Amino acid sequence: MTIQQIQALAQQHGLLLSEEMAFNEMGIDFKIGFAKDLNQRQWVLRVPRRNDLDSQIESESRILDLVKKYLSVQVPDWKIASSKLVAYPLLKDPPALSFDEKTYEVTWHFDQHSPKYVPSLAKALVELHNIPLTEVIAKDLKVLKPQDLRAEISERLALVKSELGISQSLQMRYQTWLDNDTLWPDFTCFIHGDLYAGHTMATADGEVSGIIDWSTAHVSDLALDFSGHVNVFGEKSLRELINEYEKQGGRVFDKLYEQSIERAAASALAYGFFAVQTNDQNHIAAAKVQLGV
């Protein structure tokens, strides 16, 4: 889609954009753009990469309506949400980290050792995980009960193994994880589902001020919302986050730390499942590498 086409599409929704636009191609489902309107206000644009994202866009819109009621941090305020374009005003702070789309070099937008990051992230997680189930159901969002968690992983493992293949070592790890009764929680809650430093916005001194990319939010295993943290900050910081989360009133279970580690290790499986769903050859090739095929 050209700049002129995006301008025309935005204008149909009452948004007049200048030609000053920049794009980031790293998004899996959406091409991400940054633009200014005629009053110099900055906007984020999400251009769908496929034609089958209508239901995902509608679902994420309902998610945002829900979470903005309960979170003290910013979330995207979608002003345009069509099958061809999503647009919202740029949040006040940048992501905690970003990747160069060509070199994949990481840029931190604050001191990653800031003492403010973990407590402020824990606060946002407590708010998120305490969203009432009744309101999630009213928004017609995905709900997994504790007994559904292992079934979901088992089904994905079987599908990915059949369609893409998986190394013996990974398969053994995932099966050991599935068979370990002590690791699985006896409760579920509303989670972001894809939370890591690239999806948190932070002030210059490291306080979390916003969260973006809500398409995978649903009721599930809260360890999913801790697993992205360990991948970036390490195991010591994960323990600090869990301790801070519990101190601020978050509900935990005995093996939350260990379950978060296993959830992090299952990222290759999650990516493999996504690749099968989209049937995109680039994703399939990349997933096979992660799966050790």
C-alpha atoms as a PDB file:
ATOM      1  CA  MET A   1       0.000   0.000   0.000  1.00  0.00           C
ATOM      2  CA  THR A   2       1.451   3.375  -1.046  1.00  0.00           C
ATOM      3  CA  ILE A   3       1.626   6.506   1.101  1.00  0.00           C
ATOM      4  CA  GLN A   4      -1.071   8.068  -1.063  1.00  0.00           C
ATOM      5  CA  GLN A   5      -3.355   5.055  -0.565  1.00  0.00           C
ATOM      6  CA  ILE A   6      -2.840   5.208   3.201  1.00  0.00           C
ATOM      7  CA  GLN A   7      -3.587   8.934   3.159  1.00  0.00           C
ATOM      8  CA  ALA A   8      -6.798   8.320   1.206  1.00  0.00           C
ATOM      9  CA  LEU A   9      -7.848   5.499   3.534  1.00  0.00           C
ATOM     10  CA  ALA A  10      -7.214   7.623   6.627  1.00  0.00           C
ATOM     11  CA  GLN A  11      -9.072  10.548   5.074  1.00  0.00           C
ATOM     12  CA  GLN A  12     -12.154   8.356   4.647  1.00  0.00           C
ATOM     13  CA  HIS A  13     -12.141   8.104   8.452  1.00  0.00           C
ATOM     14  CA  GLY A  14     -11.599  11.834   8.981  1.00  0.00           C
ATOM     15  CA  LEU A  15      -7.832  11.676   9.574  1.00  0.00           C
ATOM     16  CA  LEU A  16      -5.739  13.956   7.369  1.00  0.00           C
ATOM     17  CA  LEU A  17      -2.137  12.740   7.226  1.00  0.00           C
ATOM     18  CA  SER A  18       0.889  14.446   5.766  1.00  0.00           C
ATOM     19  CA  GLU A  19       3.262  12.578   3.456  1.00  0.00           C
ATOM     20  CA  GLU A  20       5.788  12.387   6.278  1.00  0.00           C
ATOM     21  CA  MET A  21       5.680   8.655   7.043  1.00  0.00           C
ATOM     22  CA  ALA A  22       8.171   6.015   8.129  1.00  0.00           C
ATOM     23  CA  PHE A  23       7.633   2.252   8.276  1.00  0.00           C
ATOM     24  CA  ASN A  24       8.947  -0.686  10.261  1.00  0.00           C
ATOM     25  CA  GLU A  25       8.674  -4.029   8.494  1.00  0.00           C
ATOM     26  CA  MET A  26       9.331  -6.287  11.505  1.00  0.00           C
ATOM     27  CA  GLY A  27       5.712  -6.839  12.521  1.00  0.00           C
ATOM     28  CA  ILE A  28       4.443 -10.358  11.816  1.00  0.00           C
ATOM     29  CA  ASP A  29       0.783  -9.527  11.180  1.00  0.00           C
ATOM     30  CA  PHE A  30       1.020  -5.813  10.443  1.00  0.00           C
ATOM     31  CA  LYS A  31       3.333  -3.399   8.706  1.00  0.00           C
ATOM     32  CA  ILE A  32       3.885  -0.632  11.257  1.00  0.00           C
ATOM     33  CA  GLY A  33       3.989   3.003  10.180  1.00  0.00           C
ATOM     34  CA  PHE A  34       4.561   6.320  11.904  1.00  0.00           C
ATOM     35  CA  ALA A  35       2.948   9.444  10.483  1.00  0.00           C
ATOM     36  CA  LYS A  36       1.989  13.017  11.317  1.00  0.00           C
ATOM     37  CA  ASP A  37      -1.371  14.606  10.711  1.00  0.00           C
ATOM     38  CA  LEU A  38      -1.731  18.142   9.373  1.00  0.00           C
ATOM     39  CA  ASN A  39      -1.576  19.467  12.945  1.00  0.00           C
ATOM     40  CA  GLN A  40       1.774  17.689  13.507  1.00  0.00           C
ATOM     41  CA  ARG A  41       0.247  15.151  15.882  1.00  0.00           C
ATOM     42  CA  GLN A  42       2.015  11.806  15.631  1.00  0.00           C
ATOM     43  CA  TRP A  43       0.150   8.600  14.776  1.00  0.00           C
ATOM     44  CA  VAL A  44       0.883   4.893  14.673  1.00  0.00           C
ATOM     45  CA  LEU A  45      -0.432   3.055  11.611  1.00  0.00           C
ATOM     46  CA  ARG A  46      -0.915  -0.713  11.378  1.00  0.00           C
ATOM     47  CA  VAL A  47      -1.387  -2.000   7.846  1.00  0.00           C
ATOM     48  CA  PRO A  48      -2.574  -5.647   7.746  1.00  0.00           C
ATOM     49  CA  ARG A  49      -0.209  -7.971   5.888  1.00  0.00           C
ATOM     50  CA  ARG A  50      -2.947 -10.500   5.102  1.00  0.00           C
ATOM     51  CA  ASN A  51      -6.636 -10.444   4.217  1.00  0.00           C
ATOM     52  CA  ASP A  52      -7.671 -12.756   7.050  1.00  0.00           C
ATOM     53  CA  LEU A  53      -7.074 -10.396   9.974  1.00  0.00           C
ATOM     54  CA  ASP A  54     -10.588  -8.930  10.270  1.00  0.00           C
ATOM     55  CA  SER A  55     -11.600 -11.052  13.248  1.00  0.00           C
ATOM     56  CA  GLN A  56      -8.257 -10.414  14.950  1.00  0.00           C
ATOM     57  CA  ILE A  57      -8.700  -6.653  14.552  1.00  0.00           C
ATOM     58  CA  GLU A  58     -12.258  -6.828  15.909  1.00  0.00           C
ATOM     59  CA  SER A  59     -11.096  -8.939  18.863  1.00  0.00           C
ATOM     60  CA  GLU A  60      -8.197  -6.626  19.710  1.00  0.00           C
ATOM     61  CA  SER A  61     -10.545  -3.649  19.595  1.00  0.00           C
ATOM     62  CA  ARG A  62     -12.718  -5.318  22.244  1.00  0.00           C
ATOM     63  CA  ILE A  63      -9.613  -6.146  24.285  1.00  0.00           C
ATOM     64  CA  LEU A  64      -8.490  -2.510  24.257  1.00  0.00           C
ATOM     65  CA  ASP A  65     -11.950  -1.346  25.328  1.00  0.00           C
ATOM     66  CA  LEU A  66     -11.629  -3.677  28.306  1.00  0.00           C
ATOM     67  CA  VAL A  67      -8.066  -3.100  29.467  1.00  0.00           C
ATOM     68  CA  LYS A  68      -8.173   0.690  29.295  1.00  0.00           C
ATOM     69  CA  LYS A  69     -10.803   0.555  32.068  1.00  0.00           C
ATOM     70  CA  TYR A  70      -8.448  -1.214  34.455  1.00  0.00           C
ATOM     71  CA  LEU A  71      -4.859  -0.278  33.633  1.00  0.00           C
ATOM     72  CA  SER A  72      -3.162   2.832  34.990  1.00  0.00           C
ATOM     73  CA  VAL A  73      -0.694   2.741  32.063  1.00  0.00           C
ATOM     74  CA  GLN A  74      -1.491   3.841  28.518  1.00  0.00           C
ATOM     75  CA  VAL A  75      -2.823   1.463  25.882  1.00  0.00           C
ATOM     76  CA  PRO A  76      -3.479   2.262  22.204  1.00  0.00           C
ATOM     77  CA  ASP A  77      -6.600   4.332  21.600  1.00  0.00           C
ATOM     78  CA  TRP A  78      -7.720   3.109  18.193  1.00  0.00           C
ATOM     79  CA  LYS A  79      -9.350   5.892  16.215  1.00  0.00           C
ATOM     80  CA  ILE A  80      -9.447   3.854  12.982  1.00  0.00           C
ATOM     81  CA  ALA A  81      -9.983   0.106  12.982  1.00  0.00           C
ATOM     82  CA  SER A  82     -10.835  -1.238   9.541  1.00  0.00           C
ATOM     83  CA  SER A  83      -9.780  -4.357   7.662  1.00  0.00           C
ATOM     84  CA  LYS A  84      -7.242  -2.260   5.734  1.00  0.00           C
ATOM     85  CA  LEU A  85      -5.930   0.177   8.336  1.00  0.00           C
ATOM     86  CA  VAL A  86      -5.643   0.608  12.089  1.00  0.00           C
ATOM     87  CA  ALA A  87      -4.495   3.980  13.425  1.00  0.00           C
ATOM     88  CA  TYR A  88      -4.045   5.506  16.866  1.00  0.00           C
ATOM     89  CA  PRO A  89      -2.215   8.478  18.413  1.00  0.00           C
ATOM     90  CA  LEU A  90       1.385   7.690  19.346  1.00  0.00           C
ATOM     91  CA  LEU A  91       1.776   6.875  23.038  1.00  0.00           C
ATOM     92  CA  LYS A  92       3.756   9.392  25.077  1.00  0.00           C
ATOM     93  CA  ASP A  93       6.876   7.238  25.605  1.00  0.00           C
ATOM     94  CA  PRO A  94       8.895   4.896  23.358  1.00  0.00           C
ATOM     95  CA  PRO A  95       9.147   1.116  23.763  1.00  0.00           C
ATOM     96  CA  ALA A  96      11.598  -0.043  26.414  1.00  0.00           C
ATOM     97  CA  LEU A  97      13.617  -1.571  23.586  1.00  0.00           C
ATOM     98  CA  SER A  98      13.462  -1.740  19.819  1.00  0.00           C
ATOM     99  CA  PHE A  99      15.161  -3.782  17.113  1.00  0.00           C
ATOM    100  CA  ASP A 100      16.788  -2.574  13.913  1.00  0.00           C
ATOM    101  CA  GLU A 101      14.752  -4.299  11.210  1.00  0.00           C
ATOM    102  CA  LYS A 102      17.844  -5.102   9.115  1.00  0.00           C
ATOM    103  CA  THR A 103      20.582  -5.838  11.647  1.00  0.00           C
ATOM    104  CA  TYR A 104      18.313  -6.833  14.579  1.00  0.00           C
ATOM    105  CA  GLU A 105      20.545  -4.690  16.779  1.00  0.00           C
ATOM    106  CA  VAL A 106      18.822  -3.840  20.067  1.00  0.00           C
ATOM    107  CA  THR A 107      18.397  -0.244  21.188  1.00  0.00           C
ATOM    108  CA  TRP A 108      17.394   0.419  24.788  1.00  0.00           C
ATOM    109  CA  HIS A 109      15.428   3.620  25.345  1.00  0.00           C
ATOM    110  CA  PHE A 110      16.222   3.741  29.060  1.00  0.00           C
ATOM    111  CA  ASP A 111      18.768   2.251  31.434  1.00  0.00           C
ATOM    112  CA  GLN A 112      17.774  -1.430  31.408  1.00  0.00           C
ATOM    113  CA  HIS A 113      18.999  -1.720  34.998  1.00  0.00           C
ATOM    114  CA  SER A 114      16.653   1.021  36.202  1.00  0.00           C
ATOM    115  CA  PRO A 115      15.189   0.162  39.626  1.00  0.00           C
ATOM    116  CA  LYS A 116      11.816   1.554  38.473  1.00  0.00           C
ATOM    117  CA  TYR A 117      11.153  -0.900  35.659  1.00  0.00           C
ATOM    118  CA  VAL A 118      10.365  -4.115  37.562  1.00  0.00           C
ATOM    119  CA  PRO A 119       8.079  -2.559  40.233  1.00  0.00           C
ATOM    120  CA  SER A 120       6.120  -0.590  37.623  1.00  0.00           C
ATOM    121  CA  LEU A 121       5.787  -3.648  35.390  1.00  0.00           C
ATOM    122  CA  ALA A 122       4.591  -5.689  38.377  1.00  0.00           C
ATOM    123  CA  LYS A 123       1.960  -3.045  39.127  1.00  0.00           C
ATOM    124  CA  ALA A 124       0.631  -3.187  35.555  1.00  0.00           C
ATOM    125  CA  LEU A 125       0.549  -6.992  35.659  1.00  0.00           C
ATOM    126  CA  VAL A 126      -1.412  -7.028  38.910  1.00  0.00           C
ATOM    127  CA  GLU A 127      -3.968  -4.646  37.397  1.00  0.00           C
ATOM    128  CA  LEU A 128      -4.197  -6.717  34.226  1.00  0.00           C
ATOM    129  CA  HIS A 129      -4.479 -10.100  35.906  1.00  0.00           C
ATOM    130  CA  ASN A 130      -7.232  -8.839  38.218  1.00  0.00           C
ATOM    131  CA  ILE A 131      -9.621  -7.914  35.398  1.00  0.00           C
ATOM    132  CA  PRO A 132     -12.897  -9.689  36.242  1.00  0.00           C
ATOM    133  CA  LEU A 133     -13.682 -12.843  34.297  1.00  0.00           C
ATOM    134  CA  THR A 134     -17.286 -11.702  33.857  1.00  0.00           C
ATOM    135  CA  GLU A 135     -16.113  -8.700  31.845  1.00  0.00           C
ATOM    136  CA  VAL A 136     -13.811 -10.842  29.703  1.00  0.00           C
ATOM    137  CA  ILE A 137     -16.719 -13.139  28.898  1.00  0.00           C
ATOM    138  CA  ALA A 138     -18.954 -10.146  28.143  1.00  0.00           C
ATOM    139  CA  LYS A 139     -16.390  -9.043  25.532  1.00  0.00           C
ATOM    140  CA  ASP A 140     -16.527 -12.508  23.943  1.00  0.00           C
ATOM    141  CA  LEU A 141     -12.802 -13.134  24.414  1.00  0.00           C
ATOM    142  CA  LYS A 142     -10.949 -16.442  24.627  1.00  0.00           C
ATOM    143  CA  VAL A 143     -11.090 -18.143  28.028  1.00  0.00           C
ATOM    144  CA  LEU A 144      -8.981 -21.145  29.039  1.00  0.00           C
ATOM    145  CA  LYS A 145      -9.644 -22.942  32.304  1.00  0.00           C
ATOM    146  CA  PRO A 146      -6.805 -24.640  34.233  1.00  0.00           C
ATOM    147  CA  GLN A 147      -7.716 -28.025  32.769  1.00  0.00           C
ATOM    148  CA  ASP A 148      -7.432 -26.578  29.249  1.00  0.00           C
ATOM    149  CA  LEU A 149      -3.827 -25.413  29.520  1.00  0.00           C
ATOM    150  CA  ARG A 150      -1.999 -28.676  28.955  1.00  0.00           C
ATOM    151  CA  ALA A 151      -4.482 -29.793  26.313  1.00  0.00           C
ATOM    152  CA  GLU A 152      -3.698 -26.661  24.294  1.00  0.00           C
ATOM    153  CA  ILE A 153       0.053 -27.304  24.426  1.00  0.00           C
ATOM    154  CA  SER A 154      -0.391 -31.015  23.653  1.00  0.00           C
ATOM    155  CA  GLU A 155      -2.525 -30.251  20.594  1.00  0.00           C
ATOM    156  CA  ARG A 156      -0.047 -27.668  19.334  1.00  0.00           C
ATOM    157  CA  LEU A 157       2.846 -30.046  19.862  1.00  0.00           C
ATOM    158  CA  ALA A 158       1.135 -32.754  17.829  1.00  0.00           C
ATOM    159  CA  LEU A 159       0.247 -30.333  15.034  1.00  0.00           C
ATOM    160  CA  VAL A 160       3.698 -28.742  14.803  1.00  0.00           C
ATOM    161  CA  LYS A 161       5.422 -32.133  14.896  1.00  0.00           C
ATOM    162  CA  SER A 162       3.177 -33.384  12.095  1.00  0.00           C
ATOM    163  CA  GLU A 163       3.428 -30.302   9.871  1.00  0.00           C
ATOM    164  CA  LEU A 164       6.957 -29.018  10.499  1.00  0.00           C
ATOM    165  CA  GLY A 165       8.822 -31.554  12.595  1.00  0.00           C
ATOM    166  CA  ILE A 166      10.628 -31.000  15.878  1.00  0.00           C
ATOM    167  CA  SER A 167      13.984 -32.036  17.289  1.00  0.00           C
ATOM    168  CA  GLN A 168      14.011 -34.959  19.697  1.00  0.00           C
ATOM    169  CA  SER A 169      15.539 -32.860  22.479  1.00  0.00           C
ATOM    170  CA  LEU A 170      12.826 -30.195  22.241  1.00  0.00           C
ATOM    171  CA  GLN A 171      10.076 -32.769  22.039  1.00  0.00           C
ATOM    172  CA  MET A 172      11.397 -34.481  25.157  1.00  0.00           C
ATOM    173  CA  ARG A 173      11.575 -31.174  27.020  1.00  0.00           C
ATOM    174  CA  TYR A 174       8.019 -30.242  26.087  1.00  0.00           C
ATOM    175  CA  GLN A 175       6.690 -33.674  26.988  1.00  0.00           C
ATOM    176  CA  THR A 176       8.486 -33.617  30.350  1.00  0.00           C
ATOM    177  CA  TRP A 177       6.952 -30.209  30.969  1.00  0.00           C
ATOM    178  CA  LEU A 178       3.471 -31.470  30.070  1.00  0.00           C
ATOM    179  CA  ASP A 179       3.849 -34.474  32.372  1.00  0.00           C
ATOM    180  CA  ASN A 180       4.993 -32.479  35.406  1.00  0.00           C
ATOM    181  CA  ASP A 181       1.810 -31.921  37.435  1.00  0.00           C
ATOM    182  CA  THR A 182       3.523 -29.568  39.889  1.00  0.00           C
ATOM    183  CA  LEU A 183       4.245 -26.907  37.268  1.00  0.00           C
ATOM    184  CA  TRP A 184       0.694 -26.205  36.158  1.00  0.00           C
ATOM    185  CA  PRO A 185      -1.470 -23.613  37.970  1.00  0.00           C
ATOM    186  CA  ASP A 186      -4.906 -24.418  39.367  1.00  0.00           C
ATOM    187  CA  PHE A 187      -6.262 -21.022  38.278  1.00  0.00           C
ATOM    188  CA  THR A 188      -6.163 -18.829  35.178  1.00  0.00           C
ATOM    189  CA  CYS A 189      -6.514 -15.070  34.680  1.00  0.00           C
ATOM    190  CA  PHE A 190      -6.648 -12.448  31.963  1.00  0.00           C
ATOM    191  CA  ILE A 191      -3.184 -12.018  30.411  1.00  0.00           C
ATOM    192  CA  HIS A 192      -1.499 -10.025  27.655  1.00  0.00           C
ATOM    193  CA  GLY A 193      -0.013 -13.177  26.137  1.00  0.00           C
ATOM    194  CA  ASP A 194       2.924 -11.592  24.279  1.00  0.00           C
ATOM    195  CA  LEU A 195       4.478  -9.342  26.883  1.00  0.00           C
ATOM    196  CA  TYR A 196       8.145  -8.386  26.721  1.00  0.00           C
ATOM    197  CA  ALA A 197      10.197  -5.180  26.787  1.00  0.00           C
ATOM    198  CA  GLY A 198       9.428  -4.404  23.135  1.00  0.00           C
ATOM    199  CA  HIS A 199       5.725  -4.205  23.974  1.00  0.00           C
ATOM    200  CA  THR A 200       6.115  -2.057  27.084  1.00  0.00           C
ATOM    201  CA  MET A 201       6.544   1.697  26.838  1.00  0.00           C
ATOM    202  CA  ALA A 202       8.843   3.290  29.398  1.00  0.00           C
ATOM    203  CA  THR A 203       9.843   6.750  30.577  1.00  0.00           C
ATOM    204  CA  ALA A 204      13.442   7.910  30.340  1.00  0.00           C
ATOM    205  CA  ASP A 205      14.028   6.763  33.917  1.00  0.00           C
ATOM    206  CA  GLY A 206      12.594   3.299  33.287  1.00  0.00           C
ATOM    207  CA  GLU A 207       9.033   3.427  34.598  1.00  0.00           C
ATOM    208  CA  VAL A 208       6.535   1.431  32.549  1.00  0.00           C
ATOM    209  CA  SER A 209       3.991   3.896  31.138  1.00  0.00           C
ATOM    210  CA  GLY A 210       2.199   1.891  28.454  1.00  0.00           C
ATOM    211  CA  ILE A 211       1.643  -1.503  26.878  1.00  0.00           C
ATOM    212  CA  ILE A 212       0.980  -2.206  23.182  1.00  0.00           C
ATOM    213  CA  ASP A 213       0.155  -5.124  20.841  1.00  0.00           C
ATOM    214  CA  TRP A 214      -2.803  -6.736  22.579  1.00  0.00           C
ATOM    215  CA  SER A 215      -3.963  -9.187  19.906  1.00  0.00           C
ATOM    216  CA  THR A 216      -3.138 -12.309  21.958  1.00  0.00           C
ATOM    217  CA  ALA A 217      -4.767 -11.226  25.240  1.00  0.00           C
ATOM    218  CA  HIS A 218      -7.039 -13.894  26.758  1.00  0.00           C
ATOM    219  CA  VAL A 219      -7.636 -15.860  29.947  1.00  0.00           C
ATOM    220  CA  SER A 220      -4.829 -18.361  30.421  1.00  0.00           C
ATOM    221  CA  ASP A 221      -1.680 -19.220  32.401  1.00  0.00           C
ATOM    222  CA  LEU A 222      -0.240 -16.077  34.036  1.00  0.00           C
ATOM    223  CA  ALA A 223       3.282 -17.521  33.566  1.00  0.00           C
ATOM    224  CA  LEU A 224       2.995 -16.480  29.911  1.00  0.00           C
ATOM    225  CA  ASP A 225       3.217 -12.839  30.999  1.00  0.00           C
ATOM    226  CA  PHE A 226       6.452 -13.511  32.901  1.00  0.00           C
ATOM    227  CA  SER A 227       8.157 -15.640  30.244  1.00  0.00           C
ATOM    228  CA  GLY A 228       8.952 -12.725  27.941  1.00  0.00           C
ATOM    229  CA  HIS A 229      10.702 -10.953  30.803  1.00  0.00           C
ATOM    230  CA  VAL A 230      13.175 -13.761  31.454  1.00  0.00           C
ATOM    231  CA  ASN A 231      14.124 -13.909  27.762  1.00  0.00           C
ATOM    232  CA  VAL A 232      15.293 -10.294  27.897  1.00  0.00           C
ATOM    233  CA  PHE A 233      16.311  -9.638  31.510  1.00  0.00           C
ATOM    234  CA  GLY A 234      17.397 -13.074  32.730  1.00  0.00           C
ATOM    235  CA  GLU A 235      16.449 -15.405  35.549  1.00  0.00           C
ATOM    236  CA  LYS A 236      17.517 -13.183  38.451  1.00  0.00           C
ATOM    237  CA  SER A 237      15.293 -10.365  37.212  1.00  0.00           C
ATOM    238  CA  LEU A 238      12.439 -12.840  36.722  1.00  0.00           C
ATOM    239  CA  ARG A 239      12.619 -13.763  40.418  1.00  0.00           C
ATOM    240  CA  GLU A 240      12.595 -10.061  41.301  1.00  0.00           C
ATOM    241  CA  LEU A 241       9.535  -9.478  39.113  1.00  0.00           C
ATOM    242  CA  ILE A 242       7.630 -12.377  40.677  1.00  0.00           C
ATOM    243  CA  ASN A 243       8.541 -11.210  44.192  1.00  0.00           C
ATOM    244  CA  GLU A 244       7.453  -7.650  43.410  1.00  0.00           C
ATOM    245  CA  TYR A 245       4.250  -8.895  41.780  1.00  0.00           C
ATOM    246  CA  GLU A 246       3.357 -10.907  44.875  1.00  0.00           C
ATOM    247  CA  LYS A 247       4.259  -8.003  47.168  1.00  0.00           C
ATOM    248  CA  GLN A 248       1.847  -5.753  45.264  1.00  0.00           C
ATOM    249  CA  GLY A 249      -1.016  -8.226  45.664  1.00  0.00           C
ATOM    250  CA  GLY A 250      -0.627 -10.466  42.632  1.00  0.00           C
ATOM    251  CA  ARG A 251      -1.814 -14.050  42.991  1.00  0.00           C
ATOM    252  CA  VAL A 252       0.998 -16.562  42.463  1.00  0.00           C
ATOM    253  CA  PHE A 253       1.468 -20.321  42.665  1.00  0.00           C
ATOM    254  CA  ASP A 254       4.418 -22.290  44.018  1.00  0.00           C
ATOM    255  CA  LYS A 255       6.038 -23.054  40.667  1.00  0.00           C
ATOM    256  CA  LEU A 256       5.403 -19.761  38.870  1.00  0.00           C
ATOM    257  CA  TYR A 257       9.140 -19.217  38.380  1.00  0.00           C
ATOM    258  CA  GLU A 258       9.737 -22.695  36.946  1.00  0.00           C
ATOM    259  CA  GLN A 259       6.615 -22.520  34.791  1.00  0.00           C
ATOM    260  CA  SER A 260       7.729 -19.149  33.401  1.00  0.00           C
ATOM    261  CA  ILE A 261      11.070 -20.693  32.406  1.00  0.00           C
ATOM    262  CA  GLU A 262       9.274 -23.520  30.592  1.00  0.00           C
ATOM    263  CA  ARG A 263       6.901 -21.097  28.899  1.00  0.00           C
ATOM    264  CA  ALA A 264       9.943 -19.166  27.648  1.00  0.00           C
ATOM    265  CA  ALA A 265      11.472 -22.384  26.321  1.00  0.00           C
ATOM    266  CA  ALA A 266       8.224 -23.085  24.459  1.00  0.00           C
ATOM    267  CA  SER A 267       8.538 -19.959  22.302  1.00  0.00           C
ATOM    268  CA  ALA A 268       9.737 -22.101  19.391  1.00  0.00           C
ATOM    269  CA  LEU A 269       6.593 -24.209  19.652  1.00  0.00           C
ATOM    270  CA  ALA A 270       4.412 -21.089  19.724  1.00  0.00           C
ATOM    271  CA  TYR A 271       6.149 -19.729  16.638  1.00  0.00           C
ATOM    272  CA  GLY A 272       5.803 -23.070  14.878  1.00  0.00           C
ATOM    273  CA  PHE A 273       2.076 -23.072  15.589  1.00  0.00           C
ATOM    274  CA  PHE A 274       1.775 -19.545  14.192  1.00  0.00           C
ATOM    275  CA  ALA A 275       3.708 -20.545  11.063  1.00  0.00           C
ATOM    276  CA  VAL A 276       1.366 -23.485  10.448  1.00  0.00           C
ATOM    277  CA  GLN A 277      -1.672 -21.258  10.970  1.00  0.00           C
ATOM    278  CA  THR A 278      -0.516 -18.614   8.500  1.00  0.00           C
ATOM    279  CA  ASN A 279       1.015 -21.109   6.033  1.00  0.00           C
ATOM    280  CA  ASP A 280       3.619 -18.455   5.242  1.00  0.00           C
ATOM    281  CA  GLN A 281       6.747 -20.048   3.805  1.00  0.00           C
ATOM    282  CA  ASN A 282       9.084 -17.479   5.373  1.00  0.00           C
ATOM    283  CA  HIS A 283       7.662 -18.145   8.825  1.00  0.00           C
ATOM    284  CA  ILE A 284       7.669 -21.897   8.227  1.00  0.00           C
ATOM    285  CA  ALA A 285      11.356 -21.833   7.296  1.00  0.00           C
ATOM    286  CA  ALA A 286      12.251 -19.689  10.307  1.00  0.00           C
ATOM    287  CA  ALA A 287      10.165 -21.848  12.653  1.00  0.00           C
ATOM    288  CA  LYS A 288      11.890 -25.015  11.468  1.00  0.00           C
ATOM    289  CA  VAL A 289      15.235 -23.513  12.421  1.00  0.00           C
ATOM    290  CA  GLN A 290      13.960 -22.720  15.934  1.00  0.00           C
ATOM    291  CA  LEU A 291      12.467 -26.209  16.210  1.00  0.00           C
ATOM    292  CA  GLY A 292      15.798 -27.807  15.305  1.00  0.00           C
ATOM    293  CA  VAL A 293      14.489 -29.425  12.135  1.00  0.00           C
END
